[in-house]
Amino acid sequence: MTAPLPRRCYIQGITLQGRTFRPSDWAERLAGAMSSFRPAGGLGGKAAYIGYSPYCVPQVVDGVKCVLVSEALRDIEPMAWDFVMNFARDNELRVLDVPPR
């Protein structure tokens, strides 16, 4: 039996009031700040500094900038999870659950 996949959510670049969140590169900045959080046994050396964490990835969904966040980040570093979720709350960004795969 396999373990259930962790919950995932999108932080959308649209405020609760319906405005586009600025600056325009907010998703890349947020995901870049989380880029060091990786699965155990992840790549080291130069590869560790290239790319985003699989737990926090910027994406565009239906023309809206988003960050896809995996709840697995909470298991690796609860403070990183809190940082990302507090960022969304403090900036009044929409957070939507992603349907299970």
Protein backbone atom coordinates (compact mmCIF):
# COMPACT_ATOMS: atom_id res chain seq x y z
CA MET A 1 0.00 0.00 0.00
CA THR A 2 1.38 3.40 -0.92
CA ALA A 3 1.25 6.48 1.26
CA PRO A 4 -1.20 9.17 0.19
CA LEU A 5 0.29 12.02 -1.78
CA PRO A 6 0.69 15.27 0.12
CA ARG A 7 -1.92 17.97 -0.38
CA ARG A 8 -0.99 20.69 -2.87
CA CYS A 9 -2.32 24.18 -3.32
CA TYR A 10 -1.92 27.14 -5.63
CA ILE A 11 -1.18 30.57 -4.28
CA GLN A 12 -2.63 32.78 -6.99
CA GLY A 13 -1.30 36.20 -7.92
CA ILE A 14 -4.75 37.67 -7.47
CA THR A 15 -5.79 39.34 -4.24
CA LEU A 16 -9.02 38.56 -2.44
CA GLN A 17 -10.27 41.88 -3.84
CA GLY A 18 -9.61 40.65 -7.41
CA ARG A 19 -6.53 42.78 -8.17
CA THR A 20 -3.34 41.47 -9.79
CA PHE A 21 -0.59 41.16 -7.20
CA ARG A 22 2.61 43.14 -7.76
CA PRO A 23 5.54 43.03 -8.36
CA SER A 24 5.14 40.97 -11.49
CA ASP A 25 7.97 38.57 -10.51
CA TRP A 26 6.54 37.77 -7.05
CA ALA A 27 6.09 34.05 -7.85
CA GLU A 28 9.69 33.59 -8.96
CA ARG A 29 10.94 35.48 -5.91
CA LEU A 30 8.89 33.41 -3.48
CA ALA A 31 9.85 30.11 -5.11
CA GLY A 32 13.48 31.24 -5.27
CA ALA A 33 13.46 31.88 -1.52
CA MET A 34 12.28 28.29 -1.02
CA SER A 35 14.68 26.73 -3.56
CA SER A 36 16.98 25.23 -0.91
CA PHE A 37 14.24 23.00 0.52
CA ARG A 38 14.56 19.71 -1.31
CA PRO A 39 13.85 16.01 -0.69
CA ALA A 40 16.39 14.07 1.32
CA GLY A 41 19.14 12.76 -0.94
CA GLY A 42 18.58 15.60 -3.39
CA LEU A 43 21.28 16.75 -5.72
CA GLY A 44 24.28 18.48 -4.24
CA GLY A 45 27.02 20.61 -5.72
CA LYS A 46 26.16 22.99 -8.56
CA ALA A 47 22.84 21.25 -9.21
CA ALA A 48 21.63 22.24 -5.74
CA TYR A 49 21.69 25.89 -6.77
CA ILE A 50 19.98 25.59 -10.13
CA GLY A 51 16.22 25.45 -10.23
CA TYR A 52 13.33 25.54 -7.83
CA SER A 53 12.41 23.21 -5.02
CA PRO A 54 9.88 20.58 -6.08
CA TYR A 55 7.79 21.75 -3.10
CA CYS A 56 7.38 25.36 -4.24
CA VAL A 57 7.23 25.97 -8.00
CA PRO A 58 6.14 29.08 -9.91
CA GLN A 59 3.61 28.41 -12.67
CA VAL A 60 1.08 30.19 -14.83
CA VAL A 61 -2.39 28.68 -14.61
CA ASP A 62 -5.14 30.02 -16.88
CA GLY A 63 -3.07 33.16 -17.45
CA VAL A 64 -2.57 33.83 -13.72
CA LYS A 65 0.83 33.70 -12.02
CA CYS A 66 0.77 31.14 -9.22
CA VAL A 67 3.05 29.20 -6.93
CA LEU A 68 2.32 25.50 -6.59
CA VAL A 69 3.08 24.51 -2.98
CA SER A 70 3.23 20.96 -1.67
CA GLU A 71 2.33 20.30 1.94
CA ALA A 72 5.39 18.02 1.99
CA LEU A 73 7.32 21.24 2.63
CA ARG A 74 5.75 21.28 6.10
CA ASP A 75 7.36 17.91 6.90
CA ILE A 76 10.79 19.09 5.76
CA GLU A 77 10.71 22.52 7.38
CA PRO A 78 7.56 23.72 9.17
CA MET A 79 8.88 27.29 9.34
CA ALA A 80 9.26 27.37 5.53
CA TRP A 81 5.65 26.18 5.14
CA ASP A 82 4.51 28.85 7.59
CA PHE A 83 6.49 31.49 5.70
CA VAL A 84 4.81 30.65 2.39
CA MET A 85 1.31 30.42 3.84
CA ASN A 86 1.79 33.62 5.86
CA PHE A 87 3.01 35.36 2.69
CA ALA A 88 -0.27 34.46 1.02
CA ARG A 89 -2.33 35.52 4.03
CA ASP A 90 -0.45 38.77 4.67
CA ASN A 91 -0.79 39.80 1.02
CA GLU A 92 -4.43 38.65 0.84
CA LEU A 93 -3.71 36.23 -2.03
CA ARG A 94 -6.10 33.51 -3.08
CA VAL A 95 -5.11 29.98 -2.07
CA LEU A 96 -6.78 27.11 -3.91
CA ASP A 97 -6.46 23.40 -3.27
CA VAL A 98 -5.23 21.34 -6.21
CA PRO A 99 -7.38 18.24 -6.86
CA PRO A 100 -5.60 14.99 -5.96
CA ARG A 101 -3.76 13.25 -8.79
